[in-house]
Amino acid sequence: MSRLSDNRLLCFDVYGTLVDWESGLEAALKPLLEKGNAHVSRAEILKMFEELEHEQQTLTPDMPYYQVLASVHPKIAQRLSLPPPTEEESVKFGESVGTWPAFPDTVEALKRLSKHFKLVVLSNVDRESFAKTNAGSLEGIHFDRIITAQDIGSYKPDLRNFEYMLKTVQSELGVEKEQVLSTAQSQFHDHRPASKVGIKSVWIQRQGSIIGNVSDPIYNWRFDTLGDMATAVEGGQ
């Protein structure tokens, strides 16, 4: 089996892998749930969100992500038989994405990994929301290329997103598919489609994560955190 360090480029999912979007979502949904006095488990609300988000992204693949979130917000209220939120409340929920926290190991691990690989973002968010995240919880980390769903006009797990990324890194960074590692938590959004287009992958299996899980995970390497991956690379794996 090849070593991690034999590859040249890490293609990152951001929200769920680098950023703790489940905690961010939970906090952003709290006002809606408290206003309606709803009692729902973390797992239930996140699975509900996952279903409604995917429906909206499939229906409107060219809609910027913060608008996807704003559109999903009242649907969650409806699903839970809660009073509908105001438009202002839904807009606020949509704009929360830029404030979601990075995992504690993320920034330092990215700095360590950047010594060995080119770093590329392939995210389902829009350019403006990612810019806020990068300037905020990611502390201005440099990425060699930033690709969002807004740039492509479709959302992962659409294979077009991965094909677009491969063409981009080949033409702009001189990196071939065989040297790319899809580095992500979500099996549904990243590992399965990456495998279909022939990309090797590293599963960052964030403890307690719910969104994007499947019963039969696909991956070439697996780590609990990005920090663990950086340590493995530095150790010659």
Protein backbone atom coordinates (compact mmCIF):
# COMPACT_ATOMS: atom_id res chain seq x y z
CA MET A 1 0.00 0.00 0.00
CA SER A 2 1.23 3.49 -0.81
CA ARG A 3 2.14 5.97 1.89
CA LEU A 4 0.18 9.14 2.63
CA SER A 5 3.31 11.13 1.87
CA ASP A 6 3.48 9.67 -1.65
CA ASN A 7 0.58 11.99 -2.57
CA ARG A 8 0.85 15.68 -3.40
CA LEU A 9 -2.51 17.29 -2.69
CA LEU A 10 -5.21 17.15 -0.02
CA CYS A 11 -8.70 18.06 -1.20
CA PHE A 12 -10.68 19.06 1.88
CA ASP A 13 -14.28 19.05 2.71
CA VAL A 14 -14.55 21.92 5.20
CA TYR A 15 -17.82 21.79 7.12
CA GLY A 16 -17.79 18.58 9.11
CA THR A 17 -14.08 17.93 8.60
CA LEU A 18 -12.28 21.17 9.43
CA VAL A 19 -15.23 23.04 10.94
CA ASP A 20 -17.59 21.59 13.55
CA TRP A 21 -20.72 22.30 11.55
CA GLU A 22 -22.93 20.00 13.63
CA SER A 23 -22.27 22.09 16.76
CA GLY A 24 -22.65 25.23 14.66
CA LEU A 25 -25.97 24.06 13.27
CA GLU A 26 -27.21 23.00 16.68
CA ALA A 27 -26.42 26.42 18.15
CA ALA A 28 -27.97 28.26 15.20
CA LEU A 29 -31.17 26.21 15.45
CA LYS A 30 -31.50 26.73 19.20
CA PRO A 31 -33.55 29.97 18.98
CA LEU A 32 -36.12 28.29 16.70
CA LEU A 33 -36.46 25.29 18.99
CA GLU A 34 -36.61 27.34 22.19
CA LYS A 35 -39.16 29.75 20.72
CA GLY A 36 -41.43 26.80 19.93
CA ASN A 37 -40.61 24.98 23.17
CA ALA A 38 -39.55 21.95 21.11
CA HIS A 39 -37.88 18.98 22.74
CA VAL A 40 -35.89 17.12 20.12
CA SER A 41 -32.62 15.21 20.36
CA ARG A 42 -29.42 16.37 18.70
CA ALA A 43 -29.40 13.31 16.46
CA GLU A 44 -33.02 13.82 15.40
CA ILE A 45 -32.62 17.49 14.51
CA LEU A 46 -29.36 16.89 12.60
CA LYS A 47 -30.81 14.00 10.60
CA MET A 48 -33.86 16.13 9.81
CA PHE A 49 -31.60 18.95 8.69
CA GLU A 50 -29.54 16.57 6.54
CA GLU A 51 -32.62 15.32 4.73
CA LEU A 52 -34.10 18.78 4.12
CA GLU A 53 -30.75 20.26 3.08
CA HIS A 54 -30.18 17.55 0.48
CA GLU A 55 -33.71 18.02 -0.87
CA GLN A 56 -33.14 21.77 -1.23
CA GLN A 57 -29.71 21.35 -2.85
CA THR A 58 -31.14 18.88 -5.36
CA LEU A 59 -34.05 21.19 -6.13
CA THR A 60 -31.90 24.35 -6.46
CA PRO A 61 -28.31 23.28 -7.26
CA ASP A 62 -27.29 26.82 -8.20
CA MET A 63 -28.62 28.45 -5.02
CA PRO A 64 -25.85 29.87 -2.77
CA TYR A 65 -25.48 27.85 0.40
CA TYR A 66 -26.50 30.57 2.86
CA GLN A 67 -29.78 30.79 0.94
CA VAL A 68 -30.14 27.01 1.09
CA LEU A 69 -29.89 27.26 4.86
CA ALA A 70 -32.40 30.10 4.99
CA SER A 71 -34.81 28.03 2.86
CA VAL A 72 -34.43 24.96 5.06
CA HIS A 73 -35.03 26.89 8.29
CA PRO A 74 -38.85 27.27 7.99
CA LYS A 75 -39.14 23.69 6.71
CA ILE A 76 -37.62 22.44 9.96
CA ALA A 77 -40.20 24.45 11.87
CA GLN A 78 -42.96 23.00 9.73
CA ARG A 79 -41.67 19.44 10.17
CA LEU A 80 -41.71 19.93 13.96
CA SER A 81 -45.11 21.72 13.95
CA LEU A 82 -43.51 24.88 15.32
CA PRO A 83 -44.58 28.48 14.59
CA PRO A 84 -42.95 29.62 11.34
CA PRO A 85 -39.85 31.78 11.81
CA THR A 86 -39.71 35.31 10.49
CA GLU A 87 -37.77 35.99 7.31
CA GLU A 88 -35.19 37.83 9.39
CA GLU A 89 -34.73 34.79 11.63
CA SER A 90 -34.23 32.51 8.62
CA VAL A 91 -31.73 34.91 7.06
CA LYS A 92 -29.82 34.98 10.36
CA PHE A 93 -29.73 31.18 10.38
CA GLY A 94 -28.39 31.18 6.82
CA GLU A 95 -25.67 33.65 7.66
CA SER A 96 -24.56 31.70 10.74
CA VAL A 97 -22.37 29.43 8.61
CA GLY A 98 -19.50 31.93 8.71
CA THR A 99 -19.41 31.78 12.53
CA TRP A 100 -19.31 28.01 13.01
CA PRO A 101 -16.26 26.90 15.02
CA ALA A 102 -13.25 25.00 13.73
CA PHE A 103 -12.37 21.75 15.47
CA PRO A 104 -9.63 22.35 18.07
CA ASP A 105 -6.97 20.47 16.08
CA THR A 106 -7.76 21.93 12.66
CA VAL A 107 -5.61 25.03 12.29
CA GLU A 108 -2.41 23.56 13.70
CA ALA A 109 -2.89 20.35 11.70
CA LEU A 110 -3.36 22.32 8.47
CA LYS A 111 -0.13 24.20 9.13
CA ARG A 112 1.71 20.90 9.62
CA LEU A 113 0.15 19.26 6.57
CA SER A 114 0.90 22.28 4.36
CA LYS A 115 4.60 21.40 4.67
CA HIS A 116 3.94 18.14 2.82
CA PHE A 117 0.94 18.78 0.54
CA LYS A 118 -0.88 21.40 -1.47
CA LEU A 119 -4.17 22.21 0.27
CA VAL A 120 -7.38 22.59 -1.74
CA VAL A 121 -10.94 23.28 -0.60
CA LEU A 122 -13.89 21.55 -2.27
CA SER A 123 -16.83 22.82 -0.25
CA ASN A 124 -20.61 22.82 -0.56
CA VAL A 125 -20.85 26.39 0.68
CA ASP A 126 -20.77 29.68 -1.23
CA ARG A 127 -17.72 31.88 -1.68
CA GLU A 128 -18.84 34.58 0.76
CA SER A 129 -19.62 32.15 3.57
CA PHE A 130 -16.31 30.33 3.17
CA ALA A 131 -14.43 33.63 3.15
CA LYS A 132 -15.99 34.46 6.53
CA THR A 133 -15.00 31.06 7.91
CA ASN A 134 -11.47 31.31 6.59
CA ALA A 135 -11.01 34.78 8.06
CA GLY A 136 -12.59 33.61 11.33
CA SER A 137 -12.23 30.16 12.86
CA LEU A 138 -9.69 28.95 10.26
CA GLU A 139 -7.48 31.93 11.14
CA GLY A 140 -6.62 32.85 7.56
CA ILE A 141 -5.01 29.53 6.61
CA HIS A 142 -3.67 29.62 3.04
CA PHE A 143 -5.26 27.21 0.58
CA ASP A 144 -3.74 26.70 -2.85
CA ARG A 145 -7.17 26.65 -4.46
CA ILE A 146 -10.68 27.28 -3.11
CA ILE A 147 -13.55 25.66 -5.00
CA THR A 148 -17.14 26.03 -3.83
CA ALA A 149 -20.48 24.68 -4.99
CA GLN A 150 -21.22 28.21 -6.17
CA ASP A 151 -18.29 28.01 -8.60
CA ILE A 152 -19.55 24.73 -10.06
CA GLY A 153 -23.32 25.11 -9.97
CA SER A 154 -23.93 21.82 -8.17
CA TYR A 155 -23.57 20.32 -4.72
CA LYS A 156 -21.66 17.26 -3.58
CA PRO A 157 -22.22 14.32 -3.88
CA ASP A 158 -22.65 15.30 -7.55
CA LEU A 159 -19.68 13.81 -9.41
CA ARG A 160 -19.33 17.06 -11.38
CA ASN A 161 -17.87 18.70 -8.30
CA PHE A 162 -15.03 16.18 -8.09
CA GLU A 163 -14.43 16.21 -11.84
CA TYR A 164 -14.26 20.02 -11.76
CA MET A 165 -11.75 19.87 -8.91
CA LEU A 166 -9.56 17.34 -10.72
CA LYS A 167 -9.47 19.42 -13.90
CA THR A 168 -8.66 22.53 -11.89
CA VAL A 169 -5.77 21.08 -9.88
CA GLN A 170 -4.33 19.44 -12.99
CA SER A 171 -4.40 22.61 -15.08
CA GLU A 172 -3.55 25.14 -12.35
CA LEU A 173 -1.37 23.18 -9.93
CA GLY A 174 0.01 20.40 -12.14
CA VAL A 175 -1.31 17.65 -9.86
CA GLU A 176 -2.73 14.46 -11.38
CA LYS A 177 -5.68 12.49 -10.01
CA GLU A 178 -3.40 9.73 -8.73
CA GLN A 179 -1.71 12.26 -6.40
CA VAL A 180 -4.93 13.65 -4.87
CA LEU A 181 -6.37 12.59 -1.51
CA SER A 182 -9.99 13.49 -0.72
CA THR A 183 -9.83 14.30 3.00
CA ALA A 184 -13.24 14.37 4.62
CA GLN A 185 -15.63 13.20 7.32
CA SER A 186 -18.79 12.64 5.27
CA GLN A 187 -19.05 9.31 3.52
CA PHE A 188 -22.18 10.44 1.64
CA HIS A 189 -20.92 13.79 0.38
CA ASP A 190 -17.24 12.95 -0.21
CA HIS A 191 -15.91 9.42 0.09
CA ARG A 192 -18.48 7.64 -2.06
CA PRO A 193 -18.38 10.10 -4.98
CA ALA A 194 -14.58 10.44 -4.72
CA SER A 195 -14.30 6.66 -5.05
CA LYS A 196 -16.55 6.69 -8.11
CA VAL A 197 -14.20 9.05 -9.94
CA GLY A 198 -11.09 7.17 -8.82
CA ILE A 199 -9.78 9.42 -6.05
CA LYS A 200 -8.12 7.92 -2.95
CA SER A 201 -9.50 9.18 0.35
CA VAL A 202 -8.68 9.79 3.99
CA TRP A 203 -11.59 9.45 6.39
CA ILE A 204 -11.43 11.90 9.29
CA GLN A 205 -13.97 10.14 11.46
CA ARG A 206 -14.94 12.93 13.84
CA GLN A 207 -16.20 11.46 17.11
CA GLY A 208 -19.96 11.64 17.47
CA SER A 209 -20.57 12.93 13.94
CA ILE A 210 -24.00 12.18 12.50
CA ILE A 211 -24.42 13.87 9.12
CA GLY A 212 -23.12 11.98 6.10
CA ASN A 213 -22.66 8.61 7.78
CA VAL A 214 -23.35 5.36 5.91
CA SER A 215 -23.34 1.70 6.96
CA ASP A 216 -20.53 0.65 4.63
CA PRO A 217 -17.76 3.29 4.74
CA ILE A 218 -15.22 3.62 1.92
CA TYR A 219 -11.70 4.93 2.57
CA ASN A 220 -7.99 4.25 2.08
CA TRP A 221 -6.84 5.69 5.42
CA ARG A 222 -8.77 6.54 8.59
CA PHE A 223 -7.99 8.87 11.51
CA ASP A 224 -10.01 10.24 14.42
CA THR A 225 -8.72 13.78 13.91
CA LEU A 226 -6.80 15.81 11.38
CA GLY A 227 -4.08 16.16 13.98
CA ASP A 228 -3.69 12.38 14.03
CA MET A 229 -3.31 12.44 10.25
CA ALA A 230 -0.60 15.10 10.46
CA THR A 231 1.28 13.02 13.02
CA ALA A 232 1.07 9.96 10.75
CA VAL A 233 2.44 11.93 7.80
CA GLU A 234 5.29 13.29 9.88
CA GLY A 235 6.02 9.73 11.01
CA GLY A 236 6.48 8.55 7.44
CA GLN A 237 3.14 6.87 6.79
